[in-house]
């Protein structure tokens, strides 16, 4: 499994939370899986 920098994860999570796209669109845009985005968002939210 590939490791991602914290800054990259935050950029993707903030993009998701700002409504720039859903997990599917952002996964294609950032070349990560939808599940990774959902996991990062889940960990980011309190």
PDB file of N, CA and C in Angstrom:
ATOM      1  N   UNK A   1       0.843  -1.184   0.000  1.00  0.00           N
ATOM      2  CA  UNK A   1       0.000   0.000   0.000  1.00  0.00           C
ATOM      3  C   UNK A   1       0.888   1.247   0.000  1.00  0.00           C
ATOM      4  N   UNK A   2       0.515   2.204  -0.789  1.00  0.00           N
ATOM      5  CA  UNK A   2       1.288   3.430  -0.915  1.00  0.00           C
ATOM      6  C   UNK A   2       1.026   4.366   0.253  1.00  0.00           C
ATOM      7  N   UNK A   3       2.073   5.046   0.724  1.00  0.00           N
ATOM      8  CA  UNK A   3       1.946   6.031   1.804  1.00  0.00           C
ATOM      9  C   UNK A   3       1.788   7.417   1.175  1.00  0.00           C
ATOM     10  N   UNK A   4       0.945   8.221   1.775  1.00  0.00           N
ATOM     11  CA  UNK A   4       0.717   9.579   1.288  1.00  0.00           C
ATOM     12  C   UNK A   4       1.116  10.579   2.359  1.00  0.00           C
ATOM     13  N   UNK A   5       1.637  11.696   1.923  1.00  0.00           N
ATOM     14  CA  UNK A   5       2.026  12.768   2.840  1.00  0.00           C
ATOM     15  C   UNK A   5       0.788  13.371   3.488  1.00  0.00           C
ATOM     16  N   UNK A   6       0.943  13.825   4.712  1.00  0.00           N
ATOM     17  CA  UNK A   6      -0.163  14.429   5.450  1.00  0.00           C
ATOM     18  C   UNK A   6      -0.726  15.637   4.717  1.00  0.00           C
ATOM     19  N   UNK A   7       0.136  16.444   4.125  1.00  0.00           N
ATOM     20  CA  UNK A   7      -0.314  17.639   3.402  1.00  0.00           C
ATOM     21  C   UNK A   7      -1.220  17.256   2.232  1.00  0.00           C
ATOM     22  N   UNK A   8      -0.859  16.183   1.537  1.00  0.00           N
ATOM     23  CA  UNK A   8      -1.663  15.715   0.408  1.00  0.00           C
ATOM     24  C   UNK A   8      -3.029  15.245   0.889  1.00  0.00           C
ATOM     25  N   UNK A   9      -3.045  14.470   1.962  1.00  0.00           N
ATOM     26  CA  UNK A   9      -4.309  13.974   2.512  1.00  0.00           C
ATOM     27  C   UNK A   9      -5.216  15.131   2.903  1.00  0.00           C
ATOM     28  N   UNK A  10      -4.640  16.134   3.573  1.00  0.00           N
ATOM     29  CA  UNK A  10      -5.439  17.291   3.990  1.00  0.00           C
ATOM     30  C   UNK A  10      -5.993  18.050   2.790  1.00  0.00           C
ATOM     31  N   UNK A  11      -5.205  18.159   1.741  1.00  0.00           N
ATOM     32  CA  UNK A  11      -5.657  18.858   0.537  1.00  0.00           C
ATOM     33  C   UNK A  11      -6.860  18.140  -0.073  1.00  0.00           C
ATOM     34  N   UNK A  12      -6.785  16.809  -0.128  1.00  0.00           N
ATOM     35  CA  UNK A  12      -7.882  16.018  -0.687  1.00  0.00           C
ATOM     36  C   UNK A  12      -9.116  16.105   0.214  1.00  0.00           C
ATOM     37  N   UNK A  13      -8.930  15.975   1.525  1.00  0.00           N
ATOM     38  CA  UNK A  13     -10.051  16.032   2.474  1.00  0.00           C
ATOM     39  C   UNK A  13     -10.727  17.395   2.416  1.00  0.00           C
ATOM     40  N   UNK A  14      -9.951  18.455   2.417  1.00  0.00           N
ATOM     41  CA  UNK A  14     -10.539  19.799   2.371  1.00  0.00           C
ATOM     42  C   UNK A  14     -11.274  20.024   1.051  1.00  0.00           C
ATOM     43  N   UNK A  15     -10.753  19.483  -0.023  1.00  0.00           N
ATOM     44  CA  UNK A  15     -11.428  19.575  -1.313  1.00  0.00           C
ATOM     45  C   UNK A  15     -12.783  18.869  -1.248  1.00  0.00           C
ATOM     46  N   UNK A  16     -12.819  17.707  -0.625  1.00  0.00           N
ATOM     47  CA  UNK A  16     -14.067  16.948  -0.462  1.00  0.00           C
ATOM     48  C   UNK A  16     -15.050  17.727   0.403  1.00  0.00           C
ATOM     49  N   UNK A  17     -14.587  18.232   1.534  1.00  0.00           N
ATOM     50  CA  UNK A  17     -15.473  18.932   2.468  1.00  0.00           C
ATOM     51  C   UNK A  17     -15.948  20.271   1.918  1.00  0.00           C
ATOM     52  N   UNK A  18     -15.181  20.885   1.031  1.00  0.00           N
ATOM     53  CA  UNK A  18     -15.586  22.149   0.412  1.00  0.00           C
ATOM     54  C   UNK A  18     -16.604  21.934  -0.706  1.00  0.00           C
ATOM     55  N   UNK A  19     -16.877  20.677  -1.022  1.00  0.00           N
ATOM     56  CA  UNK A  19     -17.863  20.390  -2.059  1.00  0.00           C
ATOM     57  C   UNK A  19     -17.318  20.475  -3.465  1.00  0.00           C
ATOM     58  N   UNK A  20     -16.008  20.327  -3.609  1.00  0.00           N
ATOM     59  CA  UNK A  20     -15.396  20.379  -4.941  1.00  0.00           C
ATOM     60  C   UNK A  20     -15.711  19.141  -5.767  1.00  0.00           C
ATOM     61  N   UNK A  21     -16.270  18.135  -5.130  1.00  0.00           N
ATOM     62  CA  UNK A  21     -16.656  16.914  -5.832  1.00  0.00           C
ATOM     63  C   UNK A  21     -16.897  15.801  -4.839  1.00  0.00           C
ATOM     64  N   UNK A  22     -17.495  14.751  -5.321  1.00  0.00           N
ATOM     65  CA  UNK A  22     -17.716  13.583  -4.484  1.00  0.00           C
ATOM     66  C   UNK A  22     -16.462  12.724  -4.439  1.00  0.00           C
ATOM     67  N   UNK A  23     -16.534  11.652  -3.666  1.00  0.00           N
ATOM     68  CA  UNK A  23     -15.380  10.773  -3.507  1.00  0.00           C
ATOM     69  C   UNK A  23     -14.947  10.174  -4.848  1.00  0.00           C
ATOM     70  N   UNK A  24     -15.917   9.819  -5.677  1.00  0.00           N
ATOM     71  CA  UNK A  24     -15.599   9.195  -6.963  1.00  0.00           C
ATOM     72  C   UNK A  24     -14.848  10.158  -7.888  1.00  0.00           C
ATOM     73  N   UNK A  25     -15.348  11.370  -8.004  1.00  0.00           N
ATOM     74  CA  UNK A  25     -14.698  12.369  -8.852  1.00  0.00           C
ATOM     75  C   UNK A  25     -13.308  12.723  -8.328  1.00  0.00           C
ATOM     76  N   UNK A  26     -13.218  12.970  -7.039  1.00  0.00           N
ATOM     77  CA  UNK A  26     -11.926  13.346  -6.466  1.00  0.00           C
ATOM     78  C   UNK A  26     -10.932  12.192  -6.527  1.00  0.00           C
ATOM     79  N   UNK A  27     -11.417  10.961  -6.413  1.00  0.00           N
ATOM     80  CA  UNK A  27     -10.524   9.804  -6.522  1.00  0.00           C
ATOM     81  C   UNK A  27      -9.871   9.768  -7.895  1.00  0.00           C
ATOM     82  N   UNK A  28     -10.658  10.028  -8.913  1.00  0.00           N
ATOM     83  CA  UNK A  28     -10.088  10.073 -10.274  1.00  0.00           C
ATOM     84  C   UNK A  28      -9.135  11.257 -10.428  1.00  0.00           C
ATOM     85  N   UNK A  29      -9.540  12.397  -9.902  1.00  0.00           N
ATOM     86  CA  UNK A  29      -8.740  13.622 -10.039  1.00  0.00           C
ATOM     87  C   UNK A  29      -7.390  13.494  -9.335  1.00  0.00           C
ATOM     88  N   UNK A  30      -7.374  12.900  -8.141  1.00  0.00           N
ATOM     89  CA  UNK A  30      -6.155  12.818  -7.333  1.00  0.00           C
ATOM     90  C   UNK A  30      -5.447  11.466  -7.443  1.00  0.00           C
ATOM     91  N   UNK A  31      -5.995  10.544  -8.224  1.00  0.00           N
ATOM     92  CA  UNK A  31      -5.408   9.206  -8.425  1.00  0.00           C
ATOM     93  C   UNK A  31      -5.267   8.425  -7.124  1.00  0.00           C
ATOM     94  N   UNK A  32      -6.335   8.417  -6.355  1.00  0.00           N
ATOM     95  CA  UNK A  32      -6.417   7.607  -5.140  1.00  0.00           C
ATOM     96  C   UNK A  32      -7.749   6.865  -5.192  1.00  0.00           C
ATOM     97  N   UNK A  33      -7.972   5.957  -4.262  1.00  0.00           N
ATOM     98  CA  UNK A  33      -9.240   5.226  -4.271  1.00  0.00           C
ATOM     99  C   UNK A  33     -10.309   5.999  -3.502  1.00  0.00           C
ATOM    100  N   UNK A  34     -11.554   5.699  -3.835  1.00  0.00           N
ATOM    101  CA  UNK A  34     -12.670   6.324  -3.113  1.00  0.00           C
ATOM    102  C   UNK A  34     -12.615   5.965  -1.637  1.00  0.00           C
ATOM    103  N   UNK A  35     -12.274   4.727  -1.344  1.00  0.00           N
ATOM    104  CA  UNK A  35     -12.211   4.269   0.043  1.00  0.00           C
ATOM    105  C   UNK A  35     -11.156   5.038   0.839  1.00  0.00           C
ATOM    106  N   UNK A  36     -10.032   5.346   0.204  1.00  0.00           N
ATOM    107  CA  UNK A  36      -9.005   6.137   0.893  1.00  0.00           C
ATOM    108  C   UNK A  36      -9.549   7.511   1.249  1.00  0.00           C
ATOM    109  N   UNK A  37     -10.242   8.133   0.330  1.00  0.00           N
ATOM    110  CA  UNK A  37     -10.808   9.459   0.599  1.00  0.00           C
ATOM    111  C   UNK A  37     -11.807   9.375   1.745  1.00  0.00           C
ATOM    112  N   UNK A  38     -12.690   8.389   1.692  1.00  0.00           N
ATOM    113  CA  UNK A  38     -13.681   8.249   2.769  1.00  0.00           C
ATOM    114  C   UNK A  38     -13.009   8.003   4.120  1.00  0.00           C
ATOM    115  N   UNK A  39     -11.956   7.197   4.121  1.00  0.00           N
ATOM    116  CA  UNK A  39     -11.228   6.920   5.364  1.00  0.00           C
ATOM    117  C   UNK A  39     -10.569   8.183   5.887  1.00  0.00           C
ATOM    118  N   UNK A  40      -9.915   8.939   5.019  1.00  0.00           N
ATOM    119  CA  UNK A  40      -9.257  10.180   5.440  1.00  0.00           C
ATOM    120  C   UNK A  40     -10.264  11.168   5.985  1.00  0.00           C
ATOM    121  N   UNK A  41     -11.415  11.286   5.320  1.00  0.00           N
ATOM    122  CA  UNK A  41     -12.456  12.208   5.782  1.00  0.00           C
ATOM    123  C   UNK A  41     -12.979  11.760   7.145  1.00  0.00           C
ATOM    124  N   UNK A  42     -13.198  10.472   7.305  1.00  0.00           N
ATOM    125  CA  UNK A  42     -13.690   9.929   8.580  1.00  0.00           C
ATOM    126  C   UNK A  42     -12.694  10.208   9.707  1.00  0.00           C
ATOM    127  N   UNK A  43     -11.408  10.089   9.431  1.00  0.00           N
ATOM    128  CA  UNK A  43     -10.391  10.367  10.444  1.00  0.00           C
ATOM    129  C   UNK A  43     -10.241  11.863  10.723  1.00  0.00           C
ATOM    130  N   UNK A  44     -10.514  12.675   9.711  1.00  0.00           N
ATOM    131  CA  UNK A  44     -10.375  14.132   9.848  1.00  0.00           C
ATOM    132  C   UNK A  44     -11.500  14.715  10.692  1.00  0.00           C
ATOM    133  N   UNK A  45     -12.719  14.200  10.477  1.00  0.00           N
ATOM    134  CA  UNK A  45     -13.879  14.718  11.210  1.00  0.00           C
ATOM    135  C   UNK A  45     -13.825  14.226  12.656  1.00  0.00           C
ATOM    136  N   UNK A  46     -14.168  15.117  13.609  1.00  0.00           N
ATOM    137  CA  UNK A  46     -14.171  14.699  15.030  1.00  0.00           C
ATOM    138  C   UNK A  46     -15.313  13.754  15.351  1.00  0.00           C
TER     139      UNK A  46
END
